[in-house]
Amino acid sequence: MEPSGSTTSNHTLNSTGGGCPWEVSDKARLCRFLCYGSEGDVYTAREEGRVSMENAGALLSMLQEGRGAEVVEEIKRFSQDGRAVRPGPSFFALALCSQHSELKTRQAALKALKEVCRDPTHMFSFIQYKKELKDGMKCGIWGRALRKAVSDWYNEQDAMSLAAAVTKCKQREGWSHQDLLRLSHTKPAKDAIALISKCITKGWKEVQVAYADKENSEEVVKVLSYLEVVEKVKHSCDETEVISLIEEHKLEREQLLTDHLKSKQVWRALLKEMPLHSVLKILGKMTSNKVLEPGSSETQLVCDRIQSETVLKKAKLHPFSILLASEHYKRGQGYQGKPKWEPDGSILKAMDSAFYKSFMNVEPVGKRFVVAVDVSTSLSSVVPGTSISTAVAAAAITMIFARTEADTHVLAYSEGAVVPCSVSADMTLAEATVELVKIPSGSTDCSLPITWATESGKSVDVFIILTNNPLWTLTASPLESLKKHRQTSGANSKLVMCGLTSIGHAIADTEDRGLLSICGFDLGALSVIRNLAQDLI
């Protein structure tokens, strides 16, 4: 997409710390760690390894320098602003800060607990990381400060929200709510929290006895009624009753028994209020189980929800997320071959519509982009861990930037030169894909788009190179080409190298903070690019 007029860069130098603009400072390494769990300049899609001390050198260094409060503020920012691609590193970092030798750091970390750990799953992960970090030491983790922080976490929750949360997520990581309430010596701050606490620690029968003849507040009555419904559904074998309770009280599948989920009618009831991202994940299973049948009212309802602008906006679904779900559904089987299903045409049409509508959920970064597609190798392979071909992935990525960023150039390159490419913002995904695959292949030189921009007098903030082949024939080093472009244009340019089929590569052995490699591609990769463009990592 050719922009009208020229734009000056508003890129802020070195916002993540350090003296030289492109030095990879400890602050920059910390931000990378909080974003995707590694201090290095390589992001690997779908890699969900356990976080460890080996990945946290900059975090430890900053703590040793007395910068604990600064670390905690970054943890809060990455957690609250949606910058973190993976949540685990934030919980690990907070756990490490919470048992640092400096009192102010420990206090700041525990004070931030309720802001970083927003649901029980987060809390259980945080506690488990604390346990792992204390293993081998004589002292335990349950000091007065942690007991107060955990107690406050429960006491400061909205009672109805807490009741729903503790009945949907009862235990994780080897910890349960009963463990946490017992070990923290929690004293409920209000009656409704006391009710939930009693239900967790003593069980429903004791709650019934204790509250049978009491004169209860309106809030307690409301929570008591909700907990009674959750308990009732657990003991019900009546399909009609279960469905009625789901619809009346908006119960979710985590609150039901496994036997309940064998019923098609129960699933149909759940689908009516199920969060849209969860619906997209189970479309194949629901089609396979005949819960969603061609022409049925349930299928129509799901289709209406999928393409509703109101629902899409509320769910904040990204186009790439919808595309991944759509391509998986179109595939007709799970990744291990089971289950299998015949994709429903109306569902595929609804997902296609949702893909284009969801561009409204992409907030522009406001930078100058060049998105360059390497067509020197075949784009017919599949992005690892997905059902999406590299051609469709490359077309979708170019469309996302072309449609949402006002200053974007889309290029293709092959045979030692940038070649004509007519991919534009008003194309459909199918049209953009066709444009890319019809360009003849040749040798790979990933520095070509940078050289093109320099020679054309274009100032570029971020170069995004999409390639199947992370090993290439170079006429010049991408880093050297990037440095030359910075000098010539005056722009503080960055380079993102996306190896769409790669399982591990780096651009070069460099300490330049403006370079980043992506192996494979997923929704997280787009967040990583966004963070880099905004100087957040």
Protein backbone atom coordinates (compact mmCIF):
# COMPACT_ATOMS: atom_id res chain seq x y z
CA MET A 1 0.00 0.00 0.00
CA GLU A 2 1.59 3.25 -1.10
CA PRO A 3 1.17 6.01 1.50
CA SER A 4 0.37 9.54 0.46
CA GLY A 5 2.96 12.07 1.51
CA SER A 6 6.00 11.54 3.74
CA THR A 7 6.10 10.87 7.45
CA THR A 8 8.83 11.73 9.91
CA SER A 9 9.86 9.14 12.45
CA ASN A 10 8.64 9.64 15.99
CA HIS A 11 10.66 6.64 17.11
CA THR A 12 12.06 7.12 20.62
CA LEU A 13 15.65 6.05 21.01
CA ASN A 14 16.49 3.49 23.61
CA SER A 15 13.36 3.65 25.73
CA THR A 16 14.32 0.34 27.33
CA GLY A 17 17.54 1.70 28.74
CA GLY A 18 21.25 1.65 27.91
CA GLY A 19 23.76 4.20 26.59
CA CYS A 20 24.10 3.33 22.89
CA PRO A 21 20.77 3.51 21.01
CA TRP A 22 21.06 -0.11 19.85
CA GLU A 23 22.75 -1.63 22.89
CA VAL A 24 20.87 -4.58 24.37
CA SER A 25 20.68 -3.34 27.96
CA ASP A 26 19.58 -5.36 31.00
CA LYS A 27 16.26 -3.51 30.86
CA ALA A 28 15.75 -4.57 27.24
CA ARG A 29 16.62 -8.18 28.11
CA LEU A 30 14.18 -8.11 31.02
CA CYS A 31 11.42 -6.82 28.75
CA ARG A 32 12.10 -9.59 26.23
CA PHE A 33 11.96 -12.13 29.05
CA LEU A 34 8.63 -10.78 30.30
CA CYS A 35 7.28 -10.75 26.75
CA TYR A 36 8.17 -14.26 25.59
CA GLY A 37 10.32 -15.98 28.23
CA SER A 38 13.76 -15.51 26.68
CA GLU A 39 16.34 -12.74 26.90
CA GLY A 40 17.61 -13.55 23.42
CA ASP A 41 16.60 -12.05 20.08
CA VAL A 42 14.81 -15.21 18.89
CA TYR A 43 11.08 -15.77 19.43
CA THR A 44 9.95 -19.34 18.74
CA ALA A 45 6.23 -19.73 18.06
CA ARG A 46 4.20 -22.11 20.25
CA GLU A 47 7.19 -22.80 22.54
CA GLU A 48 5.79 -23.09 26.07
CA GLY A 49 8.77 -24.35 28.06
CA ARG A 50 8.98 -23.95 31.83
CA VAL A 51 10.68 -20.70 32.83
CA SER A 52 13.91 -21.08 34.80
CA MET A 53 16.80 -19.09 36.25
CA GLU A 54 18.84 -19.86 33.13
CA ASN A 55 16.58 -17.49 31.16
CA ALA A 56 16.62 -14.69 33.73
CA GLY A 57 20.19 -13.33 33.85
CA ALA A 58 19.18 -9.68 33.32
CA LEU A 59 16.40 -9.98 35.91
CA LEU A 60 18.90 -11.24 38.51
CA SER A 61 21.41 -8.56 37.52
CA MET A 62 18.86 -5.76 37.99
CA LEU A 63 17.82 -7.15 41.38
CA GLN A 64 21.47 -7.26 42.48
CA GLU A 65 21.86 -3.62 41.41
CA GLY A 66 18.97 -2.61 43.68
CA ARG A 67 16.53 -2.03 40.81
CA GLY A 68 13.83 -4.34 42.20
CA ALA A 69 11.09 -1.69 42.24
CA GLU A 70 11.81 -0.96 38.56
CA VAL A 71 11.53 -4.68 37.76
CA VAL A 72 8.16 -4.95 39.53
CA GLU A 73 6.82 -1.96 37.59
CA GLU A 74 7.80 -3.63 34.30
CA ILE A 75 6.13 -6.87 35.40
CA LYS A 76 2.91 -4.94 36.11
CA ARG A 77 3.07 -3.11 32.78
CA PHE A 78 3.56 -6.28 30.73
CA SER A 79 0.77 -8.06 32.61
CA GLN A 80 -1.80 -5.25 32.55
CA ASP A 81 -1.22 -3.82 29.06
CA GLY A 82 -1.38 -7.13 27.23
CA ARG A 83 2.27 -6.91 26.17
CA ALA A 84 3.19 -10.40 27.42
CA VAL A 85 2.85 -13.14 24.81
CA ARG A 86 3.23 -15.79 27.54
CA PRO A 87 2.07 -15.24 31.14
CA GLY A 88 4.51 -17.61 32.87
CA PRO A 89 7.59 -15.32 32.83
CA SER A 90 5.68 -12.57 34.69
CA PHE A 91 4.64 -14.97 37.47
CA PHE A 92 8.18 -16.33 37.71
CA ALA A 93 9.69 -12.82 37.86
CA LEU A 94 7.17 -11.70 40.49
CA ALA A 95 7.89 -14.83 42.58
CA LEU A 96 11.64 -14.13 42.37
CA CYS A 97 11.14 -10.49 43.40
CA SER A 98 8.84 -11.52 46.26
CA GLN A 99 11.66 -13.41 47.99
CA HIS A 100 14.57 -11.11 47.18
CA SER A 101 16.82 -10.05 50.03
CA GLU A 102 15.83 -6.37 49.71
CA LEU A 103 12.73 -5.56 51.76
CA LYS A 104 11.39 -2.87 49.36
CA THR A 105 11.52 -5.29 46.43
CA ARG A 106 9.66 -7.98 48.38
CA GLN A 107 7.01 -5.49 49.49
CA ALA A 108 6.54 -4.10 45.98
CA ALA A 109 6.19 -7.61 44.51
CA LEU A 110 3.58 -8.79 47.01
CA LYS A 111 1.68 -5.51 46.70
CA ALA A 112 1.49 -6.13 42.94
CA LEU A 113 0.16 -9.68 43.38
CA LYS A 114 -3.52 -8.90 42.78
CA GLU A 115 -2.68 -6.77 39.71
CA VAL A 116 -0.49 -9.43 38.05
CA CYS A 117 -2.33 -12.60 39.16
CA ARG A 118 -5.87 -11.80 38.11
CA ASP A 119 -7.39 -15.28 38.32
CA PRO A 120 -6.82 -18.52 40.28
CA THR A 121 -4.70 -20.09 37.51
CA HIS A 122 -2.26 -17.18 37.77
CA MET A 123 -2.18 -17.40 41.56
CA PHE A 124 -1.44 -21.13 41.54
CA SER A 125 1.40 -20.60 39.03
CA PHE A 126 2.89 -17.83 41.18
CA ILE A 127 2.80 -19.99 44.33
CA GLN A 128 4.34 -22.96 42.50
CA TYR A 129 7.18 -20.78 41.19
CA LYS A 130 7.82 -19.57 44.75
CA LYS A 131 7.98 -23.17 45.93
CA GLU A 132 10.41 -24.15 43.17
CA LEU A 133 12.63 -21.16 43.89
CA LYS A 134 12.75 -22.13 47.59
CA ASP A 135 13.44 -25.85 47.01
CA GLY A 136 16.67 -26.88 48.75
CA MET A 137 16.52 -23.96 51.22
CA LYS A 138 15.73 -24.45 54.90
CA CYS A 139 13.03 -21.79 55.11
CA GLY A 140 9.57 -22.26 53.62
CA ILE A 141 7.61 -19.77 51.52
CA TRP A 142 4.71 -19.10 53.90
CA GLY A 143 5.98 -16.12 55.87
CA ARG A 144 3.74 -13.39 57.26
CA ALA A 145 4.05 -11.20 54.14
CA LEU A 146 2.92 -13.93 51.72
CA ARG A 147 0.09 -14.99 54.05
CA LYS A 148 -1.20 -11.40 54.07
CA ALA A 149 -0.83 -11.00 50.30
CA VAL A 150 -2.75 -14.21 49.56
CA SER A 151 -5.43 -13.32 52.14
CA ASP A 152 -5.81 -9.89 50.55
CA TRP A 153 -6.09 -11.50 47.10
CA TYR A 154 -9.17 -13.43 48.24
CA ASN A 155 -10.65 -10.69 50.44
CA GLU A 156 -10.45 -7.94 47.83
CA GLN A 157 -12.28 -9.89 45.12
CA ASP A 158 -15.90 -9.24 44.17
CA ALA A 159 -17.78 -12.05 45.94
CA MET A 160 -19.79 -13.27 42.93
CA SER A 161 -16.73 -13.17 40.66
CA LEU A 162 -14.75 -15.13 43.25
CA ALA A 163 -17.53 -17.71 43.61
CA ALA A 164 -17.49 -18.27 39.84
CA ALA A 165 -13.67 -18.36 39.69
CA VAL A 166 -13.15 -20.90 42.50
CA THR A 167 -15.84 -23.24 41.12
CA LYS A 168 -14.40 -23.11 37.58
CA CYS A 169 -10.73 -23.49 38.58
CA LYS A 170 -10.39 -25.53 41.78
CA GLN A 171 -6.75 -26.55 41.49
CA ARG A 172 -3.68 -26.23 39.28
CA GLU A 173 0.04 -26.89 39.54
CA GLY A 174 -0.52 -29.18 42.54
CA TRP A 175 -2.22 -26.40 44.57
CA SER A 176 -5.87 -25.93 45.50
CA HIS A 177 -7.86 -23.08 47.03
CA GLN A 178 -8.14 -25.17 50.18
CA ASP A 179 -4.32 -25.27 50.38
CA LEU A 180 -3.98 -21.52 49.90
CA LEU A 181 -6.69 -20.55 52.40
CA ARG A 182 -5.26 -22.93 55.00
CA LEU A 183 -1.61 -21.95 54.57
CA SER A 184 -2.33 -18.21 54.41
CA HIS A 185 -4.54 -18.37 57.55
CA THR A 186 -7.05 -16.23 55.68
CA LYS A 187 -9.59 -14.43 57.83
CA PRO A 188 -12.47 -13.41 55.57
CA ALA A 189 -13.03 -9.65 55.52
CA LYS A 190 -16.77 -9.86 54.80
CA ASP A 191 -19.61 -12.33 55.13
CA ALA A 192 -19.82 -13.32 51.46
CA ILE A 193 -16.10 -14.15 51.35
CA ALA A 194 -16.51 -16.11 54.60
CA LEU A 195 -19.25 -18.15 52.90
CA ILE A 196 -17.03 -18.96 49.90
CA SER A 197 -14.12 -19.80 52.21
CA LYS A 198 -16.28 -22.15 54.28
CA CYS A 199 -17.56 -23.87 51.15
CA ILE A 200 -13.98 -24.44 49.95
CA THR A 201 -12.53 -25.65 53.25
CA LYS A 202 -15.48 -27.42 54.91
CA GLY A 203 -17.69 -28.45 52.01
CA TRP A 204 -21.26 -27.76 50.94
CA LYS A 205 -22.99 -29.82 53.65
CA GLU A 206 -21.46 -27.76 56.45
CA VAL A 207 -22.42 -24.58 54.59
CA GLN A 208 -26.04 -25.75 54.43
CA VAL A 209 -26.10 -26.41 58.17
CA ALA A 210 -24.35 -23.14 59.07
CA TYR A 211 -26.54 -20.88 56.87
CA ALA A 212 -29.89 -22.65 57.11
CA ASP A 213 -31.41 -20.53 59.87
CA LYS A 214 -29.20 -17.42 59.61
CA GLU A 215 -30.50 -14.03 58.63
CA ASN A 216 -28.22 -13.31 55.67
CA SER A 217 -27.38 -10.12 53.78
CA GLU A 218 -28.47 -9.68 50.17
CA GLU A 219 -24.92 -10.38 48.91
CA VAL A 220 -24.64 -13.58 50.98
CA VAL A 221 -28.03 -14.79 49.73
CA LYS A 222 -26.91 -14.20 46.13
CA VAL A 223 -23.61 -16.07 46.58
CA LEU A 224 -25.32 -18.85 48.54
CA SER A 225 -27.85 -19.32 45.76
CA TYR A 226 -25.11 -19.47 43.12
CA LEU A 227 -23.06 -22.03 45.07
CA GLU A 228 -26.20 -24.09 45.59
CA VAL A 229 -26.76 -24.18 41.82
CA VAL A 230 -23.16 -25.28 41.18
CA GLU A 231 -23.54 -28.01 43.80
CA LYS A 232 -26.90 -29.06 42.42
CA VAL A 233 -25.63 -29.46 38.87
CA LYS A 234 -22.78 -31.68 40.11
CA HIS A 235 -25.28 -34.18 41.48
CA SER A 236 -27.86 -34.03 38.72
CA CYS A 237 -28.31 -36.83 36.20
CA ASP A 238 -31.34 -35.15 34.66
CA GLU A 239 -30.33 -33.70 31.28
CA THR A 240 -33.28 -31.28 31.23
CA GLU A 241 -32.43 -29.96 34.68
CA VAL A 242 -28.74 -29.53 33.81
CA ILE A 243 -29.63 -27.59 30.66
CA SER A 244 -32.05 -25.40 32.60
CA LEU A 245 -29.38 -24.58 35.22
CA ILE A 246 -26.80 -23.78 32.51
CA GLU A 247 -29.14 -21.39 30.72
CA GLU A 248 -30.55 -19.71 33.82
CA HIS A 249 -27.27 -19.23 35.69
CA LYS A 250 -24.78 -19.06 32.77
CA LEU A 251 -22.77 -22.02 34.04
CA GLU A 252 -19.65 -22.97 32.10
CA ARG A 253 -18.29 -26.36 31.11
CA GLU A 254 -15.63 -26.33 33.85
CA GLN A 255 -18.47 -26.44 36.40
CA LEU A 256 -20.04 -29.58 34.91
CA LEU A 257 -19.27 -33.28 35.22
CA THR A 258 -17.61 -35.26 32.45
CA ASP A 259 -20.83 -37.27 32.04
CA HIS A 260 -22.77 -34.07 31.37
CA LEU A 261 -20.46 -33.32 28.44
CA LYS A 262 -21.50 -36.53 26.69
CA SER A 263 -24.85 -34.90 25.95
CA LYS A 264 -25.35 -33.00 22.69
CA GLN A 265 -28.12 -30.92 24.24
CA VAL A 266 -25.85 -29.86 27.11
CA TRP A 267 -23.20 -28.70 24.62
CA ARG A 268 -25.84 -26.80 22.67
CA ALA A 269 -26.84 -25.00 25.87
CA LEU A 270 -23.21 -24.19 26.67
CA LEU A 271 -22.52 -22.82 23.18
CA LYS A 272 -25.12 -20.04 23.60
CA GLU A 273 -23.01 -18.11 26.15
CA MET A 274 -19.56 -19.64 25.62
CA PRO A 275 -16.79 -17.06 25.00
CA LEU A 276 -16.15 -16.77 21.27
CA HIS A 277 -12.48 -17.79 21.47
CA SER A 278 -13.58 -21.03 23.18
CA VAL A 279 -16.25 -21.64 20.52
CA LEU A 280 -13.64 -21.39 17.75
CA LYS A 281 -11.43 -23.97 19.48
CA ILE A 282 -14.15 -26.65 19.60
CA LEU A 283 -15.93 -26.15 16.27
CA GLY A 284 -14.37 -29.30 14.83
CA LYS A 285 -15.31 -31.40 17.85
CA MET A 286 -18.87 -30.03 17.87
CA THR A 287 -19.25 -30.79 14.14
CA SER A 288 -17.80 -34.28 14.61
CA ASN A 289 -20.20 -35.01 17.50
CA LYS A 290 -23.19 -33.75 15.47
CA VAL A 291 -23.86 -31.02 18.05
CA LEU A 292 -23.61 -28.64 15.09
CA GLU A 293 -25.41 -30.09 12.08
CA PRO A 294 -25.90 -28.50 8.64
CA GLY A 295 -28.94 -26.22 8.59
CA SER A 296 -29.69 -26.59 12.32
CA SER A 297 -30.77 -23.65 14.50
CA GLU A 298 -27.67 -24.21 16.71
CA THR A 299 -25.37 -23.94 13.70
CA GLN A 300 -27.11 -20.74 12.61
CA LEU A 301 -26.78 -19.30 16.11
CA VAL A 302 -23.04 -20.08 16.17
CA CYS A 303 -22.61 -18.55 12.71
CA ASP A 304 -24.46 -15.40 13.80
CA ARG A 305 -22.22 -15.06 16.86
CA ILE A 306 -18.99 -15.67 14.92
CA GLN A 307 -19.69 -12.86 12.45
CA SER A 308 -21.37 -10.42 14.82
CA GLU A 309 -19.34 -7.20 15.00
CA THR A 310 -20.55 -6.61 18.56
CA VAL A 311 -19.42 -10.07 19.70
CA LEU A 312 -16.12 -9.83 17.82
CA LYS A 313 -15.37 -6.45 19.37
CA LYS A 314 -16.18 -7.69 22.88
CA ALA A 315 -14.02 -10.80 22.38
CA LYS A 316 -11.17 -8.64 20.94
CA LEU A 317 -10.37 -11.43 18.49
CA HIS A 318 -7.45 -10.79 16.14
CA PRO A 319 -7.82 -11.63 12.40
CA PHE A 320 -4.86 -14.02 12.56
CA SER A 321 -6.46 -15.91 15.45
CA ILE A 322 -9.65 -16.37 13.41
CA LEU A 323 -7.62 -17.43 10.37
CA LEU A 324 -5.78 -20.12 12.35
CA ALA A 325 -9.09 -21.46 13.69
CA SER A 326 -10.68 -21.34 10.24
CA GLU A 327 -7.83 -23.22 8.53
CA HIS A 328 -7.86 -25.86 11.26
CA TYR A 329 -11.62 -26.32 10.89
CA LYS A 330 -11.26 -26.49 7.11
CA ARG A 331 -8.70 -29.29 7.56
CA GLY A 332 -11.42 -31.63 8.83
CA GLN A 333 -9.43 -33.43 11.53
CA GLY A 334 -7.46 -32.89 14.72
CA TYR A 335 -3.65 -32.79 14.75
CA GLN A 336 -3.40 -36.43 15.88
CA GLY A 337 -5.96 -37.43 13.26
CA LYS A 338 -8.89 -37.48 15.70
CA PRO A 339 -11.61 -36.39 15.74
CA LYS A 340 -12.60 -36.10 12.08
CA TRP A 341 -15.42 -33.99 10.69
CA GLU A 342 -16.93 -32.71 7.47
CA PRO A 343 -16.51 -28.89 7.54
CA ASP A 344 -19.84 -27.08 7.38
CA GLY A 345 -20.03 -24.52 4.56
CA SER A 346 -22.06 -21.99 6.55
CA ILE A 347 -19.51 -22.06 9.40
CA LEU A 348 -16.62 -21.55 6.97
CA LYS A 349 -18.48 -18.63 5.38
CA ALA A 350 -19.12 -17.08 8.80
CA MET A 351 -15.45 -17.41 9.77
CA ASP A 352 -14.38 -15.82 6.49
CA SER A 353 -16.70 -12.89 7.22
CA ALA A 354 -15.37 -12.65 10.79
CA PHE A 355 -11.77 -12.53 9.51
CA TYR A 356 -12.40 -9.28 7.63
CA LYS A 357 -14.63 -7.72 10.31
CA SER A 358 -12.04 -8.40 13.05
CA PHE A 359 -9.54 -5.96 11.50
CA MET A 360 -11.37 -3.35 13.57
CA ASN A 361 -9.76 -4.98 16.65
CA VAL A 362 -6.22 -4.26 15.44
CA GLU A 363 -4.93 -1.02 16.93
CA PRO A 364 -2.43 0.73 14.60
CA VAL A 365 1.14 1.17 15.84
CA GLY A 366 1.63 4.27 13.70
CA LYS A 367 5.06 3.36 12.29
CA ARG A 368 6.42 3.08 8.75
CA PHE A 369 6.53 -0.57 7.68
CA VAL A 370 7.96 -2.59 4.82
CA VAL A 371 6.54 -6.12 4.70
CA ALA A 372 8.60 -8.16 2.26
CA VAL A 373 7.77 -11.70 1.17
CA ASP A 374 10.55 -14.02 0.01
CA VAL A 375 9.09 -15.87 -2.99
CA SER A 376 12.42 -17.43 -3.95
CA THR A 377 11.31 -20.75 -2.42
CA SER A 378 7.96 -22.50 -2.68
CA LEU A 379 5.23 -21.09 -0.45
CA SER A 380 3.34 -24.40 -0.47
CA SER A 381 4.67 -25.76 2.84
CA VAL A 382 2.80 -25.51 6.15
CA VAL A 383 3.67 -23.29 9.14
CA PRO A 384 4.71 -25.77 11.90
CA GLY A 385 2.04 -26.51 14.52
CA THR A 386 -0.78 -25.06 12.40
CA SER A 387 -2.99 -26.01 9.45
CA ILE A 388 -2.05 -22.88 7.52
CA SER A 389 0.18 -22.84 4.42
CA THR A 390 3.08 -20.41 4.30
CA ALA A 391 1.49 -18.72 1.28
CA VAL A 392 -1.74 -18.00 3.16
CA ALA A 393 0.21 -17.00 6.29
CA ALA A 394 2.37 -14.55 4.31
CA ALA A 395 -0.69 -13.11 2.54
CA ALA A 396 -2.55 -12.69 5.86
CA ILE A 397 0.40 -10.98 7.57
CA THR A 398 0.84 -8.53 4.68
CA MET A 399 -2.91 -7.81 4.74
CA ILE A 400 -2.90 -7.14 8.49
CA PHE A 401 -0.26 -4.45 8.10
CA ALA A 402 -1.59 -3.07 4.80
CA ARG A 403 -5.11 -2.67 6.24
CA THR A 404 -4.21 -1.30 9.66
CA GLU A 405 -1.03 0.75 9.19
CA ALA A 406 -1.36 3.85 7.01
CA ASP A 407 2.31 3.78 5.95
CA THR A 408 3.01 0.25 4.69
CA HIS A 409 4.85 -0.97 1.59
CA VAL A 410 4.29 -4.59 0.56
CA LEU A 411 7.15 -6.10 -1.46
CA ALA A 412 8.14 -9.47 -2.88
CA TYR A 413 11.68 -10.43 -3.83
CA SER A 414 13.27 -13.20 -5.89
CA GLU A 415 16.13 -13.77 -8.33
CA GLY A 416 18.32 -11.14 -6.73
CA ALA A 417 15.81 -8.31 -7.01
CA VAL A 418 12.61 -6.85 -5.62
CA VAL A 419 9.87 -7.94 -8.02
CA PRO A 420 6.52 -6.28 -8.81
CA CYS A 421 3.88 -7.20 -6.24
CA SER A 422 0.33 -5.88 -6.43
CA VAL A 423 -0.88 -7.04 -3.00
CA SER A 424 -3.01 -4.20 -1.63
CA ALA A 425 -5.27 -3.39 1.31
CA ASP A 426 -8.50 -3.81 -0.67
CA MET A 427 -7.76 -7.39 -1.73
CA THR A 428 -9.33 -10.49 -0.24
CA LEU A 429 -7.06 -13.05 1.40
CA ALA A 430 -7.49 -15.43 -1.56
CA GLU A 431 -6.54 -12.70 -4.05
CA ALA A 432 -3.46 -11.71 -2.04
CA THR A 433 -2.36 -15.36 -1.81
CA VAL A 434 -2.68 -15.82 -5.58
CA GLU A 435 -0.55 -12.71 -6.20
CA LEU A 436 2.27 -14.10 -4.06
CA VAL A 437 2.36 -17.66 -5.40
CA LYS A 438 2.35 -16.63 -9.08
CA ILE A 439 5.72 -14.84 -8.76
CA PRO A 440 8.57 -17.08 -10.05
CA SER A 441 11.10 -18.41 -7.53
CA GLY A 442 14.85 -17.94 -7.44
CA SER A 443 17.77 -17.36 -5.05
CA THR A 444 17.19 -15.89 -1.58
CA ASP A 445 18.70 -12.58 -0.45
CA CYS A 446 16.89 -11.14 2.57
CA SER A 447 18.81 -7.86 2.48
CA LEU A 448 17.13 -6.86 -0.81
CA PRO A 449 14.06 -5.09 0.71
CA ILE A 450 16.37 -2.96 2.90
CA THR A 451 18.56 -2.07 -0.08
CA TRP A 452 15.42 -1.23 -2.11
CA ALA A 453 14.17 1.17 0.58
CA THR A 454 17.59 2.84 0.89
CA GLU A 455 18.01 3.29 -2.87
CA SER A 456 14.39 4.49 -3.26
CA GLY A 457 14.79 7.12 -0.54
CA LYS A 458 12.15 5.51 1.68
CA SER A 459 12.50 5.95 5.44
CA VAL A 460 11.35 2.78 7.19
CA ASP A 461 10.85 2.17 10.91
CA VAL A 462 10.31 -1.61 10.74
CA PHE A 463 11.27 -4.13 8.05
CA ILE A 464 9.37 -7.43 8.31
CA ILE A 465 10.91 -10.16 6.15
CA LEU A 466 8.77 -13.28 5.61
CA THR A 467 10.71 -16.27 4.33
CA ASN A 468 10.52 -20.06 4.16
CA ASN A 469 14.28 -20.25 4.12
CA PRO A 470 16.22 -18.89 7.12
CA LEU A 471 19.47 -19.82 5.33
CA TRP A 472 20.07 -17.54 2.39
CA THR A 473 22.56 -16.32 -0.18
CA LEU A 474 23.62 -12.81 0.81
CA THR A 475 25.01 -10.05 -1.34
CA ALA A 476 25.30 -8.07 1.89
CA SER A 477 24.71 -8.73 5.59
CA PRO A 478 21.15 -7.76 6.66
CA LEU A 479 22.67 -5.97 9.66
CA GLU A 480 25.08 -3.99 7.50
CA SER A 481 22.24 -3.13 5.09
CA LEU A 482 20.11 -2.02 8.05
CA LYS A 483 22.89 0.17 9.46
CA LYS A 484 23.35 1.78 6.06
CA HIS A 485 19.61 2.48 5.84
CA ARG A 486 19.67 4.08 9.30
CA GLN A 487 22.54 6.33 8.31
CA THR A 488 21.06 7.28 4.93
CA SER A 489 17.45 7.81 5.98
CA GLY A 490 17.93 9.04 9.55
CA ALA A 491 15.32 6.51 10.68
CA ASN A 492 15.83 4.29 13.71
CA SER A 493 15.02 1.20 11.68
CA LYS A 494 14.44 -2.31 13.00
CA LEU A 495 14.46 -5.66 11.25
CA VAL A 496 12.25 -8.67 11.99
CA MET A 497 13.20 -11.88 10.18
CA CYS A 498 10.31 -14.39 10.15
CA GLY A 499 11.33 -17.92 9.18
CA LEU A 500 7.81 -19.25 8.64
CA THR A 501 8.90 -22.90 8.58
CA SER A 502 11.94 -22.53 10.83
CA ILE A 503 12.37 -24.28 14.18
CA GLY A 504 15.39 -22.19 15.20
CA HIS A 505 17.63 -19.59 13.57
CA ALA A 506 19.09 -16.16 14.18
CA ILE A 507 19.86 -13.31 11.79
CA ALA A 508 23.41 -12.96 13.03
CA ASP A 509 25.44 -13.01 16.21
CA THR A 510 24.69 -9.44 17.10
CA GLU A 511 24.01 -7.23 20.08
CA ASP A 512 21.87 -4.83 18.04
CA ARG A 513 18.54 -4.29 19.82
CA GLY A 514 16.83 -3.48 16.52
CA LEU A 515 17.08 -7.05 15.22
CA LEU A 516 14.74 -9.92 16.02
CA SER A 517 14.20 -13.42 14.62
CA ILE A 518 10.87 -15.27 14.64
CA CYS A 519 10.78 -19.04 14.14
CA GLY A 520 7.47 -20.27 12.79
CA PHE A 521 4.51 -17.95 13.24
CA ASP A 522 1.55 -17.58 15.59
CA LEU A 523 -0.60 -14.83 17.09
CA GLY A 524 2.12 -14.16 19.66
CA ALA A 525 4.57 -13.31 16.87
CA LEU A 526 2.40 -10.32 15.92
CA SER A 527 2.47 -9.11 19.53
CA VAL A 528 6.26 -9.47 19.57
CA ILE A 529 6.54 -7.39 16.36
CA ARG A 530 4.22 -4.78 17.84
CA ASN A 531 6.30 -4.58 21.04
CA LEU A 532 9.52 -4.21 19.07
CA ALA A 533 8.03 -1.47 16.86
CA GLN A 534 6.99 0.46 19.98
CA ASP A 535 10.40 0.08 21.71
CA LEU A 536 8.90 -2.08 24.44
CA ILE A 537 11.39 -4.96 24.05
